[in-house]
Amino acid sequence: MQPTAPAGEFGLIDWIRRQQSGRSHQGTVLGIGDDCAILEVSAGSRLLVTTDMLMDGRHFRLESDGAEAVGYKAMGVNLSDIAAMAGLPRAAVVSVALPRGNAVLIGQGLSAGLKRMADRFEVDLIGGDTNAWDGPLVVSVALLGETSPPGPVRRSGARPGDVIVVTGPLGGSLWRGRHLRPEPRIKEALAICVAERLNAMIDISDGLSSDLNHILEESGGLGAILDADEIPIHPDAIDQSRTDGISALDHALHDGEDFELCVVLSAERSRRLLARPPEPVRVYRVGEITAEPGLWLRRSGGVVLPLEPCGFDHFRNRDSAGGP
């Protein structure tokens, strides 16, 4: 009898993770399953490691977006993973597969975009690998960081009764190309961690519903109720909804590539954070964690309906994430 194949992108990741179960060697504090892996390189010194690969036609459109914008995004999405664990970015290595016909010019544009984002956060580009082929542009960035004194904040610490907050309005990132201009919340994550102890955190790259669901799964199969009237909706989502007929709320819940932070902390700490957020932080309460598994949406009047995590899955979503 053939074993059942993993379902979708996250099913495959979970399958790979289970193959590695029990195989961690000395120095691996945290492996597959969070925004970054954590390695203890010496006593008291921990290294964060994350990587993301971007592909032409899936995450961007080289012909219309340009190589510099691609490089800027490629560095930014990795910085967002470091922010999700309240870490400090340090250095990056970049591997590229360049279209053979215009490899040098594309490589120069990529380099300019990578450097522009890296310089903003004092990240050194320390190496990588450069190839050319007859296929589309592929960029892979591996970013190294270190844990901060308040961190690292994992996905796995949520508890029933905790409050869920986000750091900015959500949805519509593709509408005017905002997905190409990520704003990694490095400073915001550190400021929040200094102000209050957090139980869990993740960056919103695949959509609030999907990324919050990762926290619920990693925290032992908890649930959450999101308040529809409290979710901050980006003006781009409102404008997009007028054209595509999808509600602005659905865009805010499921679109992804907002790169805001989804933060979980105790009710008492959330009250203090919401009352006096540290600079430069904006925070919005969007729901609470429940002991009962499942994701739910509370509508006006108190009606609570099941909410399917419908964020981006590379194996299921056929539409390009590179623009409307």
Protein backbone atom coordinates (compact mmCIF):
# COMPACT_ATOMS: atom_id res chain seq x y z
CA MET A 1 0.00 0.00 0.00
CA GLN A 2 1.40 3.36 -1.04
CA PRO A 3 1.73 5.95 1.77
CA THR A 4 -0.56 8.98 1.52
CA ALA A 5 1.20 11.89 -0.18
CA PRO A 6 1.55 15.13 1.83
CA ALA A 7 -1.17 17.70 1.07
CA GLY A 8 0.09 21.00 -0.30
CA GLU A 9 3.14 23.10 0.49
CA PHE A 10 2.75 23.05 4.26
CA GLY A 11 1.97 19.33 4.28
CA LEU A 12 5.26 18.66 2.47
CA ILE A 13 7.17 20.90 4.88
CA ASP A 14 5.65 19.02 7.82
CA TRP A 15 6.60 15.68 6.18
CA ILE A 16 10.21 16.83 5.72
CA ARG A 17 10.26 18.06 9.31
CA ARG A 18 9.13 14.66 10.59
CA GLN A 19 11.90 12.94 8.62
CA GLN A 20 14.40 15.00 10.62
CA SER A 21 12.77 14.31 13.99
CA GLY A 22 15.32 13.17 16.54
CA ARG A 23 18.27 13.93 14.24
CA SER A 24 19.29 17.36 15.55
CA HIS A 25 22.96 17.52 16.33
CA GLN A 26 24.81 19.50 18.96
CA GLY A 27 24.20 23.22 18.52
CA THR A 28 20.77 23.05 16.87
CA VAL A 29 18.35 24.73 19.27
CA LEU A 30 15.43 24.99 16.84
CA GLY A 31 15.10 23.44 13.39
CA ILE A 32 12.27 23.32 10.85
CA GLY A 33 8.95 24.89 11.79
CA ASP A 34 9.49 28.58 12.57
CA ASP A 35 10.53 31.77 10.78
CA CYS A 36 14.21 31.06 11.51
CA ALA A 37 16.29 28.16 12.71
CA ILE A 38 18.35 28.79 15.87
CA LEU A 39 21.92 27.55 16.29
CA GLU A 40 24.00 27.88 19.44
CA VAL A 41 27.47 28.62 18.12
CA SER A 42 29.02 29.14 21.56
CA ALA A 43 27.85 29.49 25.14
CA GLY A 44 25.28 32.30 25.25
CA SER A 45 25.60 33.14 21.55
CA ARG A 46 22.78 32.06 19.24
CA LEU A 47 22.59 32.42 15.47
CA LEU A 48 19.37 32.90 13.47
CA VAL A 49 19.25 31.40 9.97
CA THR A 50 16.52 31.96 7.38
CA THR A 51 16.21 31.64 3.61
CA ASP A 52 13.68 32.49 0.91
CA MET A 53 13.70 31.80 -2.83
CA LEU A 54 11.92 34.09 -5.31
CA MET A 55 11.04 33.09 -8.88
CA ASP A 56 10.09 35.10 -11.94
CA GLY A 57 6.41 34.62 -12.73
CA ARG A 58 5.61 33.57 -9.17
CA HIS A 59 6.90 36.25 -6.78
CA PHE A 60 7.61 39.00 -9.31
CA ARG A 61 7.57 39.79 -13.01
CA LEU A 62 11.06 40.74 -14.08
CA GLU A 63 9.98 42.36 -17.35
CA SER A 64 7.65 44.86 -15.66
CA ASP A 65 9.11 45.10 -12.14
CA GLY A 66 12.80 45.39 -12.99
CA ALA A 67 15.79 43.64 -11.45
CA GLU A 68 16.48 46.27 -8.79
CA ALA A 69 12.97 45.93 -7.33
CA VAL A 70 13.41 42.15 -7.28
CA GLY A 71 16.66 42.42 -5.33
CA TYR A 72 15.09 44.85 -2.88
CA LYS A 73 12.21 42.47 -2.22
CA ALA A 74 14.42 39.38 -1.99
CA MET A 75 16.45 40.91 0.83
CA GLY A 76 13.38 42.40 2.50
CA VAL A 77 11.38 39.19 2.86
CA ASN A 78 14.29 37.55 4.67
CA LEU A 79 14.69 40.52 6.98
CA SER A 80 11.01 40.15 7.81
CA ASP A 81 11.69 36.59 9.05
CA ILE A 82 14.41 37.90 11.35
CA ALA A 83 11.96 40.51 12.64
CA ALA A 84 9.41 37.77 13.35
CA MET A 85 11.77 36.34 15.97
CA ALA A 86 12.84 39.73 17.34
CA GLY A 87 16.35 39.18 15.99
CA LEU A 88 19.17 41.37 14.72
CA PRO A 89 20.19 40.84 11.06
CA ARG A 90 23.91 40.59 10.35
CA ALA A 91 24.93 39.07 7.00
CA ALA A 92 23.53 37.49 3.85
CA VAL A 93 24.58 35.11 1.09
CA VAL A 94 22.77 35.24 -2.24
CA SER A 95 22.46 32.61 -4.98
CA VAL A 96 21.04 33.52 -8.38
CA ALA A 97 20.12 31.77 -11.61
CA LEU A 98 20.29 34.57 -14.20
CA PRO A 99 18.65 34.46 -17.64
CA ARG A 100 21.55 33.86 -19.98
CA GLY A 101 20.59 36.46 -22.58
CA ASN A 102 21.02 39.47 -20.30
CA ALA A 103 22.77 38.02 -17.27
CA VAL A 104 25.22 40.84 -16.50
CA LEU A 105 22.71 43.71 -16.62
CA ILE A 106 20.16 41.75 -14.59
CA GLY A 107 22.85 40.82 -12.07
CA GLN A 108 23.86 44.45 -11.69
CA GLY A 109 20.27 45.51 -11.13
CA LEU A 110 19.72 42.76 -8.57
CA SER A 111 22.87 43.79 -6.74
CA ALA A 112 21.71 47.40 -6.53
CA GLY A 113 18.36 46.40 -5.02
CA LEU A 114 19.88 43.90 -2.60
CA LYS A 115 22.39 46.49 -1.43
CA ARG A 116 19.79 49.22 -1.01
CA MET A 117 17.73 47.10 1.37
CA ALA A 118 20.77 45.59 3.11
CA ASP A 119 22.26 49.02 3.79
CA ARG A 120 19.04 50.15 5.49
CA PHE A 121 19.51 47.42 8.11
CA GLU A 122 23.34 47.27 8.20
CA VAL A 123 23.53 43.81 6.63
CA ASP A 124 26.73 42.68 4.93
CA LEU A 125 26.51 40.69 1.69
CA ILE A 126 29.29 38.15 2.28
CA GLY A 127 29.01 35.71 -0.63
CA GLY A 128 26.81 33.38 -2.63
CA ASP A 129 26.68 31.68 -6.02
CA THR A 130 26.04 33.03 -9.51
CA ASN A 131 24.76 30.95 -12.43
CA ALA A 132 23.25 31.60 -15.85
CA TRP A 133 20.76 29.42 -17.70
CA ASP A 134 18.02 29.47 -20.31
CA GLY A 135 15.24 29.66 -17.71
CA PRO A 136 13.70 32.58 -15.78
CA LEU A 137 15.36 34.55 -12.98
CA VAL A 138 15.57 32.77 -9.61
CA VAL A 139 16.98 34.48 -6.50
CA SER A 140 17.69 32.79 -3.17
CA VAL A 141 18.82 34.79 -0.13
CA ALA A 142 20.04 33.18 3.09
CA LEU A 143 20.18 35.65 5.96
CA LEU A 144 22.12 35.26 9.20
CA GLY A 145 21.20 37.10 12.35
CA GLU A 146 21.56 36.87 16.09
CA THR A 147 19.07 36.65 18.89
CA SER A 148 18.36 39.79 20.87
CA PRO A 149 18.19 39.88 24.69
CA PRO A 150 14.34 39.88 24.70
CA GLY A 151 14.15 37.15 22.05
CA PRO A 152 13.93 34.87 20.27
CA VAL A 153 10.15 34.86 20.04
CA ARG A 154 8.85 31.60 18.59
CA ARG A 155 5.53 30.61 17.07
CA SER A 156 4.90 27.99 19.72
CA GLY A 157 4.14 29.97 22.90
CA ALA A 158 0.50 31.03 22.50
CA ARG A 159 -1.90 30.20 25.35
CA PRO A 160 -5.69 30.27 25.75
CA GLY A 161 -6.87 33.76 26.70
CA ASP A 162 -3.97 35.50 24.94
CA VAL A 163 -4.69 38.48 22.72
CA ILE A 164 -3.71 38.76 19.04
CA VAL A 165 -2.43 42.07 17.68
CA VAL A 166 -0.98 43.14 14.34
CA THR A 167 1.37 46.00 13.54
CA GLY A 168 -0.37 47.53 10.53
CA PRO A 169 -3.22 47.47 8.00
CA LEU A 170 -3.50 44.37 5.83
CA GLY A 171 -4.50 43.32 2.32
CA GLY A 172 -4.10 44.47 -1.26
CA SER A 173 -0.30 44.24 -1.36
CA LEU A 174 -0.31 43.32 -5.06
CA TRP A 175 -2.64 46.10 -6.13
CA ARG A 176 -0.09 48.90 -6.41
CA GLY A 177 3.10 46.86 -6.12
CA ARG A 178 3.49 47.12 -2.36
CA HIS A 179 4.63 43.46 -2.35
CA LEU A 180 7.83 44.72 -4.01
CA ARG A 181 8.47 47.24 -1.22
CA PRO A 182 8.44 45.26 2.03
CA GLU A 183 9.04 47.16 5.25
CA PRO A 184 10.68 44.63 7.61
CA ARG A 185 9.52 45.39 11.15
CA ILE A 186 12.93 44.90 12.78
CA LYS A 187 12.75 48.00 14.99
CA GLU A 188 9.11 47.42 15.80
CA ALA A 189 9.70 43.83 16.92
CA LEU A 190 12.57 44.82 19.19
CA ALA A 191 10.61 47.73 20.67
CA ILE A 192 7.58 45.54 21.41
CA CYS A 193 9.78 42.89 23.04
CA VAL A 194 11.46 45.44 25.26
CA ALA A 195 8.08 46.89 26.27
CA GLU A 196 6.26 43.61 26.98
CA ARG A 197 7.00 39.88 27.10
CA LEU A 198 5.53 38.15 24.06
CA ASN A 199 4.25 34.60 23.87
CA ALA A 200 4.39 34.11 20.09
CA MET A 201 5.04 36.04 16.89
CA ILE A 202 5.12 35.54 13.11
CA ASP A 203 5.39 37.83 10.10
CA ILE A 204 2.41 38.02 7.77
CA SER A 205 3.79 36.78 4.47
CA ASP A 206 1.15 34.22 3.41
CA GLY A 207 -1.91 36.00 4.86
CA LEU A 208 -3.21 36.59 8.38
CA SER A 209 -5.47 33.54 8.38
CA SER A 210 -2.68 31.22 7.22
CA ASP A 211 0.13 32.65 9.34
CA LEU A 212 -1.96 32.83 12.51
CA ASN A 213 -2.87 29.19 11.88
CA HIS A 214 0.86 28.33 12.01
CA ILE A 215 0.98 29.81 15.53
CA LEU A 216 -2.06 27.78 16.55
CA GLU A 217 -0.58 24.54 15.23
CA GLU A 218 2.87 25.12 16.73
CA SER A 219 1.28 26.03 20.10
CA GLY A 220 -0.29 22.61 20.50
CA GLY A 221 -3.41 22.83 18.37
CA LEU A 222 -5.11 25.86 19.89
CA GLY A 223 -7.83 27.97 18.26
CA ALA A 224 -8.50 31.66 17.69
CA ILE A 225 -11.37 34.07 17.16
CA LEU A 226 -10.72 37.08 14.92
CA ASP A 227 -12.99 40.12 15.16
CA ALA A 228 -14.04 41.20 11.67
CA ASP A 229 -14.70 44.80 12.72
CA GLU A 230 -11.27 45.18 14.36
CA ILE A 231 -9.01 43.96 11.56
CA PRO A 232 -7.18 46.96 10.06
CA ILE A 233 -7.71 47.03 6.30
CA HIS A 234 -5.21 48.70 3.99
CA PRO A 235 -6.61 51.30 1.53
CA ASP A 236 -5.17 49.20 -1.31
CA ALA A 237 -7.44 46.30 -0.29
CA ILE A 238 -10.46 48.59 -0.36
CA ASP A 239 -9.56 49.87 -3.83
CA GLN A 240 -8.88 46.36 -5.12
CA SER A 241 -12.21 45.09 -3.81
CA ARG A 242 -14.05 47.65 -5.94
CA THR A 243 -12.48 46.09 -9.03
CA ASP A 244 -12.35 42.35 -8.35
CA GLY A 245 -15.52 41.95 -6.26
CA ILE A 246 -13.67 40.26 -3.39
CA SER A 247 -14.42 41.93 -0.07
CA ALA A 248 -11.72 44.13 1.44
CA LEU A 249 -11.93 42.02 4.61
CA ASP A 250 -11.17 38.85 2.63
CA HIS A 251 -8.16 40.59 1.11
CA ALA A 252 -6.97 41.60 4.59
CA LEU A 253 -7.41 38.06 5.93
CA HIS A 254 -5.90 36.10 3.08
CA ASP A 255 -3.79 38.13 0.62
CA GLY A 256 -0.34 37.94 2.20
CA GLU A 257 2.90 39.80 1.52
CA ASP A 258 1.96 42.53 3.99
CA PHE A 259 5.05 41.73 6.10
CA GLU A 260 3.44 43.14 9.21
CA LEU A 261 3.83 41.22 12.48
CA CYS A 262 1.17 39.07 14.11
CA VAL A 263 1.89 39.17 17.85
CA VAL A 264 0.38 37.07 20.64
CA LEU A 265 0.67 38.12 24.30
CA SER A 266 -1.28 37.91 27.53
CA ALA A 267 -4.45 39.98 27.97
CA GLU A 268 -2.85 42.13 30.68
CA ARG A 269 0.27 42.85 28.64
CA SER A 270 -1.81 43.57 25.55
CA ARG A 271 -3.78 46.23 27.41
CA ARG A 272 -0.57 48.03 28.32
CA LEU A 273 0.85 47.68 24.81
CA LEU A 274 -2.32 48.95 23.14
CA ALA A 275 -2.59 51.87 25.57
CA ARG A 276 1.04 52.98 25.19
CA PRO A 277 2.78 51.42 22.19
CA PRO A 278 6.52 52.21 22.03
CA GLU A 279 7.91 54.23 19.13
CA PRO A 280 7.78 53.49 16.20
CA VAL A 281 5.09 50.84 16.78
CA ARG A 282 1.43 50.82 15.74
CA VAL A 283 -0.65 47.95 17.11
CA TYR A 284 -4.21 46.80 16.49
CA ARG A 285 -6.09 44.22 18.53
CA VAL A 286 -7.68 41.67 16.15
CA GLY A 287 -8.74 38.71 18.31
CA GLU A 288 -7.93 36.19 21.01
CA ILE A 289 -6.58 32.66 21.43
CA THR A 290 -8.97 29.90 22.50
CA ALA A 291 -8.46 26.44 23.98
CA GLU A 292 -10.90 24.98 21.45
CA PRO A 293 -9.10 24.22 18.17
CA GLY A 294 -10.12 25.98 14.99
CA LEU A 295 -10.08 29.43 13.47
CA TRP A 296 -13.22 31.57 13.74
CA LEU A 297 -14.42 34.99 12.57
CA ARG A 298 -16.71 37.04 14.80
CA ARG A 299 -19.00 39.29 12.75
CA SER A 300 -21.04 42.30 13.85
CA GLY A 301 -23.72 41.31 16.34
CA GLY A 302 -21.56 38.56 17.81
CA VAL A 303 -22.19 35.92 15.12
CA VAL A 304 -19.19 33.56 15.03
CA LEU A 305 -18.47 31.61 11.84
CA PRO A 306 -15.68 29.16 10.94
CA LEU A 307 -12.79 30.73 9.03
CA GLU A 308 -10.75 28.62 6.63
CA PRO A 309 -7.02 29.50 6.52
CA CYS A 310 -6.79 30.56 2.88
CA GLY A 311 -3.43 32.25 2.64
CA PHE A 312 -0.90 31.61 -0.10
CA ASP A 313 0.25 28.01 -0.70
CA HIS A 314 2.79 27.50 -3.50
CA PHE A 315 1.41 24.07 -4.33
CA ARG A 316 -2.25 25.14 -4.47
CA ASN A 317 -2.26 28.76 -5.68
CA ARG A 318 -1.93 28.91 -9.44
CA ASP A 319 -2.09 32.70 -9.74
CA SER A 320 1.13 34.63 -9.85
CA ALA A 321 2.12 36.54 -6.75
CA GLY A 322 3.90 39.03 -8.95
CA GLY A 323 1.08 41.45 -9.61
CA PRO A 324 -2.61 41.69 -10.50
